[in-house]
Amino acid sequence: MDELDKVKRVVTRRAAVDEVLLVLDATIGQNGLAQARVFAEVVEITGAVLTKLDGTAKGGIVFRVQQELGVPVKLVGLGEGPDDLAPFEPAAFVDALLG
């Protein structure tokens, strides 16, 4: 994490940082949350991006990220292409979970 702290210092010297998004693979579960907690100790996270959300039946990571990190999920990856990154829509997500 020392390297991450160094990157943070270099970036903040050169430009104002308005947003820090943590990108997590939605399929790795608890390991991803453990990594996110450590990351959050060094950098002030303002939101999360969850990738591979289309490839998992488990959507619980969305709730855990918001609960444990206190940040919103802002974007979700729903495929492999650049156009498959979309804004996270909580109502649509809950509707899809409840079927």
PDB file of N, CA and C in Angstrom:
ATOM      1  N   MET A   1       0.808  -1.190   0.000  1.00  0.00           N
ATOM      2  CA  MET A   1       0.000   0.000   0.000  1.00  0.00           C
ATOM      3  C   MET A   1       0.858   1.263   0.000  1.00  0.00           C
ATOM      4  N   ASP A   2       2.125   1.104   0.313  1.00  0.00           N
ATOM      5  CA  ASP A   2       3.019   2.262   0.264  1.00  0.00           C
ATOM      6  C   ASP A   2       3.082   2.822  -1.151  1.00  0.00           C
ATOM      7  N   GLU A   3       3.084   1.928  -2.125  1.00  0.00           N
ATOM      8  CA  GLU A   3       3.130   2.357  -3.526  1.00  0.00           C
ATOM      9  C   GLU A   3       1.873   3.141  -3.890  1.00  0.00           C
ATOM     10  N   LEU A   4       0.738   2.693  -3.419  1.00  0.00           N
ATOM     11  CA  LEU A   4      -0.524   3.394  -3.678  1.00  0.00           C
ATOM     12  C   LEU A   4      -0.513   4.775  -3.041  1.00  0.00           C
ATOM     13  N   ASP A   5       0.011   4.867  -1.831  1.00  0.00           N
ATOM     14  CA  ASP A   5       0.109   6.162  -1.159  1.00  0.00           C
ATOM     15  C   ASP A   5       1.023   7.101  -1.941  1.00  0.00           C
ATOM     16  N   LYS A   6       2.098   6.576  -2.482  1.00  0.00           N
ATOM     17  CA  LYS A   6       3.021   7.384  -3.283  1.00  0.00           C
ATOM     18  C   LYS A   6       2.327   7.895  -4.545  1.00  0.00           C
ATOM     19  N   VAL A   7       1.584   7.026  -5.219  1.00  0.00           N
ATOM     20  CA  VAL A   7       0.842   7.435  -6.423  1.00  0.00           C
ATOM     21  C   VAL A   7      -0.145   8.542  -6.072  1.00  0.00           C
ATOM     22  N   LYS A   8      -0.835   8.381  -4.955  1.00  0.00           N
ATOM     23  CA  LYS A   8      -1.801   9.394  -4.512  1.00  0.00           C
ATOM     24  C   LYS A   8      -1.116  10.746  -4.307  1.00  0.00           C
ATOM     25  N   ARG A   9       0.022  10.752  -3.651  1.00  0.00           N
ATOM     26  CA  ARG A   9       0.740  12.009  -3.403  1.00  0.00           C
ATOM     27  C   ARG A   9       1.177  12.669  -4.705  1.00  0.00           C
ATOM     28  N   VAL A  10       1.696  11.891  -5.640  1.00  0.00           N
ATOM     29  CA  VAL A  10       2.147  12.433  -6.928  1.00  0.00           C
ATOM     30  C   VAL A  10       0.974  13.040  -7.692  1.00  0.00           C
ATOM     31  N   VAL A  11      -0.134  12.335  -7.735  1.00  0.00           N
ATOM     32  CA  VAL A  11      -1.305  12.826  -8.475  1.00  0.00           C
ATOM     33  C   VAL A  11      -1.850  14.100  -7.846  1.00  0.00           C
ATOM     34  N   THR A  12      -1.978  14.129  -6.529  1.00  0.00           N
ATOM     35  CA  THR A  12      -2.566  15.310  -5.883  1.00  0.00           C
ATOM     36  C   THR A  12      -1.657  16.532  -5.966  1.00  0.00           C
ATOM     37  N   ARG A  13      -0.379  16.336  -6.169  1.00  0.00           N
ATOM     38  CA  ARG A  13       0.516  17.482  -6.376  1.00  0.00           C
ATOM     39  C   ARG A  13       0.298  18.128  -7.740  1.00  0.00           C
ATOM     40  N   ARG A  14      -0.106  17.337  -8.700  1.00  0.00           N
ATOM     41  CA  ARG A  14      -0.228  17.821 -10.079  1.00  0.00           C
ATOM     42  C   ARG A  14      -1.624  18.284 -10.454  1.00  0.00           C
ATOM     43  N   ALA A  15      -2.637  17.772  -9.778  1.00  0.00           N
ATOM     44  CA  ALA A  15      -4.012  18.115 -10.153  1.00  0.00           C
ATOM     45  C   ALA A  15      -4.947  17.894  -8.972  1.00  0.00           C
ATOM     46  N   ALA A  16      -6.054  18.626  -9.011  1.00  0.00           N
ATOM     47  CA  ALA A  16      -7.087  18.415  -7.998  1.00  0.00           C
ATOM     48  C   ALA A  16      -7.799  17.097  -8.300  1.00  0.00           C
ATOM     49  N   VAL A  17      -8.033  16.330  -7.274  1.00  0.00           N
ATOM     50  CA  VAL A  17      -8.712  15.045  -7.446  1.00  0.00           C
ATOM     51  C   VAL A  17     -10.160  15.211  -6.998  1.00  0.00           C
ATOM     52  N   ASP A  18     -11.071  15.081  -7.964  1.00  0.00           N
ATOM     53  CA  ASP A  18     -12.493  15.235  -7.667  1.00  0.00           C
ATOM     54  C   ASP A  18     -13.159  13.909  -7.336  1.00  0.00           C
ATOM     55  N   GLU A  19     -12.637  12.846  -7.904  1.00  0.00           N
ATOM     56  CA  GLU A  19     -13.297  11.559  -7.735  1.00  0.00           C
ATOM     57  C   GLU A  19     -12.278  10.429  -7.782  1.00  0.00           C
ATOM     58  N   VAL A  20     -12.465   9.464  -6.890  1.00  0.00           N
ATOM     59  CA  VAL A  20     -11.635   8.264  -6.871  1.00  0.00           C
ATOM     60  C   VAL A  20     -12.582   7.070  -6.912  1.00  0.00           C
ATOM     61  N   LEU A  21     -12.549   6.356  -8.022  1.00  0.00           N
ATOM     62  CA  LEU A  21     -13.413   5.197  -8.197  1.00  0.00           C
ATOM     63  C   LEU A  21     -12.602   3.920  -8.022  1.00  0.00           C
ATOM     64  N   LEU A  22     -13.087   3.052  -7.180  1.00  0.00           N
ATOM     65  CA  LEU A  22     -12.462   1.757  -6.967  1.00  0.00           C
ATOM     66  C   LEU A  22     -13.136   0.762  -7.895  1.00  0.00           C
ATOM     67  N   VAL A  23     -12.359   0.085  -8.722  1.00  0.00           N
ATOM     68  CA  VAL A  23     -12.897  -0.898  -9.663  1.00  0.00           C
ATOM     69  C   VAL A  23     -12.734  -2.288  -9.052  1.00  0.00           C
ATOM     70  N   LEU A  24     -13.866  -2.989  -8.926  1.00  0.00           N
ATOM     71  CA  LEU A  24     -13.868  -4.329  -8.336  1.00  0.00           C
ATOM     72  C   LEU A  24     -14.507  -5.334  -9.276  1.00  0.00           C
ATOM     73  N   ASP A  25     -13.953  -6.516  -9.310  1.00  0.00           N
ATOM     74  CA  ASP A  25     -14.531  -7.635 -10.037  1.00  0.00           C
ATOM     75  C   ASP A  25     -15.657  -8.192  -9.166  1.00  0.00           C
ATOM     76  N   ALA A  26     -16.887  -8.145  -9.651  1.00  0.00           N
ATOM     77  CA  ALA A  26     -18.048  -8.557  -8.856  1.00  0.00           C
ATOM     78  C   ALA A  26     -18.059 -10.045  -8.545  1.00  0.00           C
ATOM     79  N   THR A  27     -17.230 -10.826  -9.222  1.00  0.00           N
ATOM     80  CA  THR A  27     -17.262 -12.278  -9.019  1.00  0.00           C
ATOM     81  C   THR A  27     -16.336 -12.769  -7.909  1.00  0.00           C
ATOM     82  N   ILE A  28     -15.480 -11.907  -7.362  1.00  0.00           N
ATOM     83  CA  ILE A  28     -14.504 -12.408  -6.389  1.00  0.00           C
ATOM     84  C   ILE A  28     -14.960 -12.303  -4.940  1.00  0.00           C
ATOM     85  N   GLY A  29     -16.088 -11.707  -4.689  1.00  0.00           N
ATOM     86  CA  GLY A  29     -16.702 -11.728  -3.364  1.00  0.00           C
ATOM     87  C   GLY A  29     -15.872 -11.142  -2.244  1.00  0.00           C
ATOM     88  N   GLN A  30     -15.704 -11.932  -1.167  1.00  0.00           N
ATOM     89  CA  GLN A  30     -15.050 -11.458   0.052  1.00  0.00           C
ATOM     90  C   GLN A  30     -13.619 -10.989  -0.175  1.00  0.00           C
ATOM     91  N   ASN A  31     -12.897 -11.622  -1.085  1.00  0.00           N
ATOM     92  CA  ASN A  31     -11.527 -11.182  -1.370  1.00  0.00           C
ATOM     93  C   ASN A  31     -11.516  -9.754  -1.890  1.00  0.00           C
ATOM     94  N   GLY A  32     -12.463  -9.438  -2.747  1.00  0.00           N
ATOM     95  CA  GLY A  32     -12.561  -8.084  -3.283  1.00  0.00           C
ATOM     96  C   GLY A  32     -12.875  -7.070  -2.207  1.00  0.00           C
ATOM     97  N   LEU A  33     -13.749  -7.442  -1.286  1.00  0.00           N
ATOM     98  CA  LEU A  33     -14.085  -6.528  -0.194  1.00  0.00           C
ATOM     99  C   LEU A  33     -12.904  -6.315   0.739  1.00  0.00           C
ATOM    100  N   ALA A  34     -12.140  -7.363   0.977  1.00  0.00           N
ATOM    101  CA  ALA A  34     -10.949  -7.227   1.819  1.00  0.00           C
ATOM    102  C   ALA A  34      -9.945  -6.282   1.165  1.00  0.00           C
ATOM    103  N   GLN A  35      -9.747  -6.425  -0.131  1.00  0.00           N
ATOM    104  CA  GLN A  35      -8.848  -5.530  -0.862  1.00  0.00           C
ATOM    105  C   GLN A  35      -9.376  -4.099  -0.832  1.00  0.00           C
ATOM    106  N   ALA A  36     -10.678  -3.953  -0.962  1.00  0.00           N
ATOM    107  CA  ALA A  36     -11.289  -2.625  -0.963  1.00  0.00           C
ATOM    108  C   ALA A  36     -11.092  -1.927   0.379  1.00  0.00           C
ATOM    109  N   ARG A  37     -11.211  -2.669   1.459  1.00  0.00           N
ATOM    110  CA  ARG A  37     -11.013  -2.073   2.790  1.00  0.00           C
ATOM    111  C   ARG A  37      -9.590  -1.537   2.938  1.00  0.00           C
ATOM    112  N   VAL A  38      -8.616  -2.312   2.491  1.00  0.00           N
ATOM    113  CA  VAL A  38      -7.216  -1.882   2.576  1.00  0.00           C
ATOM    114  C   VAL A  38      -6.995  -0.658   1.692  1.00  0.00           C
ATOM    115  N   PHE A  39      -7.539  -0.683   0.494  1.00  0.00           N
ATOM    116  CA  PHE A  39      -7.436   0.439  -0.436  1.00  0.00           C
ATOM    117  C   PHE A  39      -8.027   1.700   0.196  1.00  0.00           C
ATOM    118  N   ALA A  40      -9.182   1.550   0.859  1.00  0.00           N
ATOM    119  CA  ALA A  40      -9.875   2.693   1.464  1.00  0.00           C
ATOM    120  C   ALA A  40      -9.097   3.291   2.634  1.00  0.00           C
ATOM    121  N   GLU A  41      -8.201   2.524   3.233  1.00  0.00           N
ATOM    122  CA  GLU A  41      -7.369   3.061   4.310  1.00  0.00           C
ATOM    123  C   GLU A  41      -6.351   4.064   3.785  1.00  0.00           C
ATOM    124  N   VAL A  42      -5.996   3.934   2.512  1.00  0.00           N
ATOM    125  CA  VAL A  42      -4.955   4.780   1.926  1.00  0.00           C
ATOM    126  C   VAL A  42      -5.541   5.912   1.094  1.00  0.00           C
ATOM    127  N   VAL A  43      -6.602   5.616   0.371  1.00  0.00           N
ATOM    128  CA  VAL A  43      -7.186   6.577  -0.563  1.00  0.00           C
ATOM    129  C   VAL A  43      -8.651   6.800  -0.208  1.00  0.00           C
ATOM    130  N   GLU A  44      -9.088   8.041  -0.273  1.00  0.00           N
ATOM    131  CA  GLU A  44     -10.494   8.348  -0.008  1.00  0.00           C
ATOM    132  C   GLU A  44     -11.326   8.008  -1.244  1.00  0.00           C
ATOM    133  N   ILE A  45     -12.034   6.907  -1.174  1.00  0.00           N
ATOM    134  CA  ILE A  45     -12.839   6.427  -2.296  1.00  0.00           C
ATOM    135  C   ILE A  45     -14.153   7.199  -2.335  1.00  0.00           C
ATOM    136  N   THR A  46     -14.558   7.630  -3.533  1.00  0.00           N
ATOM    137  CA  THR A  46     -15.828   8.346  -3.675  1.00  0.00           C
ATOM    138  C   THR A  46     -16.903   7.500  -4.341  1.00  0.00           C
ATOM    139  N   GLY A  47     -16.520   6.380  -4.901  1.00  0.00           N
ATOM    140  CA  GLY A  47     -17.497   5.518  -5.561  1.00  0.00           C
ATOM    141  C   GLY A  47     -16.848   4.232  -6.018  1.00  0.00           C
ATOM    142  N   ALA A  48     -17.701   3.323  -6.491  1.00  0.00           N
ATOM    143  CA  ALA A  48     -17.203   2.028  -6.949  1.00  0.00           C
ATOM    144  C   ALA A  48     -17.712   1.725  -8.347  1.00  0.00           C
ATOM    145  N   VAL A  49     -16.903   0.955  -9.064  1.00  0.00           N
ATOM    146  CA  VAL A  49     -17.272   0.414 -10.372  1.00  0.00           C
ATOM    147  C   VAL A  49     -17.199  -1.099 -10.217  1.00  0.00           C
ATOM    148  N   LEU A  50     -18.288  -1.787 -10.526  1.00  0.00           N
ATOM    149  CA  LEU A  50     -18.308  -3.247 -10.429  1.00  0.00           C
ATOM    150  C   LEU A  50     -18.303  -3.842 -11.819  1.00  0.00           C
ATOM    151  N   THR A  51     -17.277  -4.639 -12.103  1.00  0.00           N
ATOM    152  CA  THR A  51     -17.194  -5.288 -13.406  1.00  0.00           C
ATOM    153  C   THR A  51     -17.720  -6.714 -13.298  1.00  0.00           C
ATOM    154  N   LYS A  52     -18.013  -7.299 -14.432  1.00  0.00           N
ATOM    155  CA  LYS A  52     -18.491  -8.682 -14.537  1.00  0.00           C
ATOM    156  C   LYS A  52     -19.789  -8.915 -13.776  1.00  0.00           C
ATOM    157  N   LEU A  53     -20.585  -7.875 -13.634  1.00  0.00           N
ATOM    158  CA  LEU A  53     -21.853  -8.037 -12.930  1.00  0.00           C
ATOM    159  C   LEU A  53     -22.819  -8.885 -13.740  1.00  0.00           C
ATOM    160  N   ASP A  54     -22.608  -8.933 -15.049  1.00  0.00           N
ATOM    161  CA  ASP A  54     -23.456  -9.769 -15.901  1.00  0.00           C
ATOM    162  C   ASP A  54     -23.108 -11.247 -15.784  1.00  0.00           C
ATOM    163  N   GLY A  55     -21.930 -11.556 -15.281  1.00  0.00           N
ATOM    164  CA  GLY A  55     -21.468 -12.938 -15.242  1.00  0.00           C
ATOM    165  C   GLY A  55     -21.696 -13.632 -13.917  1.00  0.00           C
ATOM    166  N   THR A  56     -22.420 -13.017 -13.021  1.00  0.00           N
ATOM    167  CA  THR A  56     -22.652 -13.630 -11.722  1.00  0.00           C
ATOM    168  C   THR A  56     -24.111 -13.522 -11.328  1.00  0.00           C
ATOM    169  N   ALA A  57     -24.619 -14.571 -10.737  1.00  0.00           N
ATOM    170  CA  ALA A  57     -25.990 -14.535 -10.237  1.00  0.00           C
ATOM    171  C   ALA A  57     -26.044 -13.811  -8.900  1.00  0.00           C
ATOM    172  N   LYS A  58     -24.885 -13.636  -8.305  1.00  0.00           N
ATOM    173  CA  LYS A  58     -24.824 -12.982  -7.002  1.00  0.00           C
ATOM    174  C   LYS A  58     -24.724 -11.477  -7.198  1.00  0.00           C
ATOM    175  N   GLY A  59     -25.645 -10.767  -6.640  1.00  0.00           N
ATOM    176  CA  GLY A  59     -25.584  -9.314  -6.712  1.00  0.00           C
ATOM    177  C   GLY A  59     -25.300  -8.705  -5.364  1.00  0.00           C
ATOM    178  N   GLY A  60     -25.061  -9.570  -4.375  1.00  0.00           N
ATOM    179  CA  GLY A  60     -24.866  -9.102  -3.013  1.00  0.00           C
ATOM    180  C   GLY A  60     -23.695  -8.171  -2.830  1.00  0.00           C
ATOM    181  N   ILE A  61     -22.719  -8.261  -3.710  1.00  0.00           N
ATOM    182  CA  ILE A  61     -21.555  -7.384  -3.576  1.00  0.00           C
ATOM    183  C   ILE A  61     -21.951  -5.918  -3.694  1.00  0.00           C
ATOM    184  N   VAL A  62     -23.005  -5.629  -4.436  1.00  0.00           N
ATOM    185  CA  VAL A  62     -23.470  -4.242  -4.567  1.00  0.00           C
ATOM    186  C   VAL A  62     -23.828  -3.694  -3.191  1.00  0.00           C
ATOM    187  N   PHE A  63     -24.580  -4.467  -2.438  1.00  0.00           N
ATOM    188  CA  PHE A  63     -25.000  -4.029  -1.109  1.00  0.00           C
ATOM    189  C   PHE A  63     -23.823  -3.957  -0.152  1.00  0.00           C
ATOM    190  N   ARG A  64     -22.935  -4.945  -0.234  1.00  0.00           N
ATOM    191  CA  ARG A  64     -21.784  -4.980   0.670  1.00  0.00           C
ATOM    192  C   ARG A  64     -20.841  -3.807   0.438  1.00  0.00           C
ATOM    193  N   VAL A  65     -20.611  -3.459  -0.818  1.00  0.00           N
ATOM    194  CA  VAL A  65     -19.733  -2.326  -1.132  1.00  0.00           C
ATOM    195  C   VAL A  65     -20.304  -1.053  -0.525  1.00  0.00           C
ATOM    196  N   GLN A  66     -21.583  -0.836  -0.727  1.00  0.00           N
ATOM    197  CA  GLN A  66     -22.203   0.379  -0.200  1.00  0.00           C
ATOM    198  C   GLN A  66     -22.220   0.372   1.324  1.00  0.00           C
ATOM    199  N   GLN A  67     -22.484  -0.776   1.905  1.00  0.00           N
ATOM    200  CA  GLN A  67     -22.563  -0.897   3.353  1.00  0.00           C
ATOM    201  C   GLN A  67     -21.195  -0.751   4.015  1.00  0.00           C
ATOM    202  N   GLU A  68     -20.217  -1.490   3.539  1.00  0.00           N
ATOM    203  CA  GLU A  68     -18.919  -1.527   4.203  1.00  0.00           C
ATOM    204  C   GLU A  68     -18.024  -0.341   3.878  1.00  0.00           C
ATOM    205  N   LEU A  69     -18.106   0.155   2.649  1.00  0.00           N
ATOM    206  CA  LEU A  69     -17.234   1.262   2.262  1.00  0.00           C
ATOM    207  C   LEU A  69     -17.922   2.612   2.383  1.00  0.00           C
ATOM    208  N   GLY A  70     -19.244   2.596   2.453  1.00  0.00           N
ATOM    209  CA  GLY A  70     -19.989   3.849   2.566  1.00  0.00           C
ATOM    210  C   GLY A  70     -19.935   4.693   1.308  1.00  0.00           C
ATOM    211  N   VAL A  71     -19.759   4.045   0.168  1.00  0.00           N
ATOM    212  CA  VAL A  71     -19.720   4.773  -1.104  1.00  0.00           C
ATOM    213  C   VAL A  71     -20.723   4.150  -2.068  1.00  0.00           C
ATOM    214  N   PRO A  72     -21.237   4.938  -2.989  1.00  0.00           N
ATOM    215  CA  PRO A  72     -22.190   4.387  -3.951  1.00  0.00           C
ATOM    216  C   PRO A  72     -21.499   3.617  -5.071  1.00  0.00           C
ATOM    217  N   VAL A  73     -22.217   2.654  -5.619  1.00  0.00           N
ATOM    218  CA  VAL A  73     -21.780   2.012  -6.854  1.00  0.00           C
ATOM    219  C   VAL A  73     -22.215   2.957  -7.965  1.00  0.00           C
ATOM    220  N   LYS A  74     -21.270   3.449  -8.742  1.00  0.00           N
ATOM    221  CA  LYS A  74     -21.582   4.446  -9.765  1.00  0.00           C
ATOM    222  C   LYS A  74     -21.704   3.856 -11.161  1.00  0.00           C
ATOM    223  N   LEU A  75     -20.886   2.836 -11.442  1.00  0.00           N
ATOM    224  CA  LEU A  75     -20.904   2.224 -12.771  1.00  0.00           C
ATOM    225  C   LEU A  75     -20.847   0.710 -12.635  1.00  0.00           C
ATOM    226  N   VAL A  76     -21.396   0.029 -13.637  1.00  0.00           N
ATOM    227  CA  VAL A  76     -21.318  -1.431 -13.676  1.00  0.00           C
ATOM    228  C   VAL A  76     -20.861  -1.873 -15.055  1.00  0.00           C
ATOM    229  N   GLY A  77     -20.065  -2.923 -15.070  1.00  0.00           N
ATOM    230  CA  GLY A  77     -19.634  -3.526 -16.326  1.00  0.00           C
ATOM    231  C   GLY A  77     -20.558  -4.681 -16.651  1.00  0.00           C
ATOM    232  N   LEU A  78     -21.183  -4.621 -17.818  1.00  0.00           N
ATOM    233  CA  LEU A  78     -22.167  -5.634 -18.204  1.00  0.00           C
ATOM    234  C   LEU A  78     -21.741  -6.408 -19.439  1.00  0.00           C
ATOM    235  N   GLY A  79     -20.473  -6.374 -19.758  1.00  0.00           N
ATOM    236  CA  GLY A  79     -19.956  -7.075 -20.924  1.00  0.00           C
ATOM    237  C   GLY A  79     -18.472  -6.814 -21.056  1.00  0.00           C
ATOM    238  N   GLU A  80     -17.939  -7.100 -22.231  1.00  0.00           N
ATOM    239  CA  GLU A  80     -16.496  -6.977 -22.429  1.00  0.00           C
ATOM    240  C   GLU A  80     -16.067  -5.733 -23.185  1.00  0.00           C
ATOM    241  N   GLY A  81     -16.983  -5.055 -23.825  1.00  0.00           N
ATOM    242  CA  GLY A  81     -16.630  -3.897 -24.634  1.00  0.00           C
ATOM    243  C   GLY A  81     -16.720  -2.592 -23.865  1.00  0.00           C
ATOM    244  N   PRO A  82     -16.107  -1.536 -24.404  1.00  0.00           N
ATOM    245  CA  PRO A  82     -16.147  -0.234 -23.736  1.00  0.00           C
ATOM    246  C   PRO A  82     -17.565   0.333 -23.623  1.00  0.00           C
ATOM    247  N   ASP A  83     -18.440  -0.055 -24.518  1.00  0.00           N
ATOM    248  CA  ASP A  83     -19.820   0.423 -24.456  1.00  0.00           C
ATOM    249  C   ASP A  83     -20.654  -0.349 -23.439  1.00  0.00           C
ATOM    250  N   ASP A  84     -20.063  -1.356 -22.824  1.00  0.00           N
ATOM    251  CA  ASP A  84     -20.783  -2.175 -21.853  1.00  0.00           C
ATOM    252  C   ASP A  84     -20.647  -1.662 -20.422  1.00  0.00           C
ATOM    253  N   LEU A  85     -20.022  -0.514 -20.252  1.00  0.00           N
ATOM    254  CA  LEU A  85     -19.925   0.137 -18.950  1.00  0.00           C
ATOM    255  C   LEU A  85     -21.096   1.103 -18.855  1.00  0.00           C
ATOM    256  N   ALA A  86     -21.928   0.929 -17.836  1.00  0.00           N
ATOM    257  CA  ALA A  86     -23.159   1.713 -17.746  1.00  0.00           C
ATOM    258  C   ALA A  86     -23.332   2.295 -16.348  1.00  0.00           C
ATOM    259  N   PRO A  87     -24.067   3.403 -16.254  1.00  0.00           N
ATOM    260  CA  PRO A  87     -24.390   3.936 -14.922  1.00  0.00           C
ATOM    261  C   PRO A  87     -25.186   2.893 -14.131  1.00  0.00           C
ATOM    262  N   PHE A  88     -24.921   2.817 -12.854  1.00  0.00           N
ATOM    263  CA  PHE A  88     -25.655   1.887 -12.000  1.00  0.00           C
ATOM    264  C   PHE A  88     -27.019   2.478 -11.686  1.00  0.00           C
ATOM    265  N   GLU A  89     -28.054   1.690 -11.917  1.00  0.00           N
ATOM    266  CA  GLU A  89     -29.422   2.117 -11.637  1.00  0.00           C
ATOM    267  C   GLU A  89     -29.988   1.221 -10.541  1.00  0.00           C
ATOM    268  N   PRO A  90     -30.031   1.729  -9.303  1.00  0.00           N
ATOM    269  CA  PRO A  90     -30.460   0.897  -8.172  1.00  0.00           C
ATOM    270  C   PRO A  90     -31.844   0.266  -8.345  1.00  0.00           C
ATOM    271  N   ALA A  91     -32.815   1.021  -8.821  1.00  0.00           N
ATOM    272  CA  ALA A  91     -34.174   0.485  -8.961  1.00  0.00           C
ATOM    273  C   ALA A  91     -34.208  -0.671  -9.959  1.00  0.00           C
ATOM    274  N   ALA A  92     -33.528  -0.511 -11.075  1.00  0.00           N
ATOM    275  CA  ALA A  92     -33.485  -1.576 -12.080  1.00  0.00           C
ATOM    276  C   ALA A  92     -32.753  -2.802 -11.536  1.00  0.00           C
ATOM    277  N   PHE A  93     -31.718  -2.574 -10.739  1.00  0.00           N
ATOM    278  CA  PHE A  93     -30.967  -3.679 -10.145  1.00  0.00           C
ATOM    279  C   PHE A  93     -31.849  -4.490  -9.195  1.00  0.00           C
ATOM    280  N   VAL A  94     -32.584  -3.803  -8.332  1.00  0.00           N
ATOM    281  CA  VAL A  94     -33.470  -4.490  -7.385  1.00  0.00           C
ATOM    282  C   VAL A  94     -34.570  -5.235  -8.131  1.00  0.00           C
ATOM    283  N   ASP A  95     -35.135  -4.612  -9.158  1.00  0.00           N
ATOM    284  CA  ASP A  95     -36.162  -5.283  -9.966  1.00  0.00           C
ATOM    285  C   ASP A  95     -35.620  -6.569 -10.583  1.00  0.00           C
ATOM    286  N   ALA A  96     -34.385  -6.513 -11.085  1.00  0.00           N
ATOM    287  CA  ALA A  96     -33.777  -7.696 -11.701  1.00  0.00           C
ATOM    288  C   ALA A  96     -33.523  -8.795 -10.661  1.00  0.00           C
ATOM    289  N   LEU A  97     -33.126  -8.403  -9.455  1.00  0.00           N
ATOM    290  CA  LEU A  97     -32.886  -9.386  -8.394  1.00  0.00           C
ATOM    291  C   LEU A  97     -34.170 -10.086  -7.968  1.00  0.00           C
ATOM    292  N   LEU A  98     -35.235  -9.308  -7.887  1.00  0.00           N
ATOM    293  CA  LEU A  98     -36.510  -9.858  -7.421  1.00  0.00           C
ATOM    294  C   LEU A  98     -37.286 -10.552  -8.525  1.00  0.00           C
ATOM    295  N   GLY A  99     -36.845 -10.305  -9.769  1.00  0.00           N
ATOM    296  CA  GLY A  99     -37.405 -10.985 -10.928  1.00  0.00           C
ATOM    297  C   GLY A  99     -38.790 -10.569 -11.226  1.00  0.00           C
TER     298      GLY A  99
END
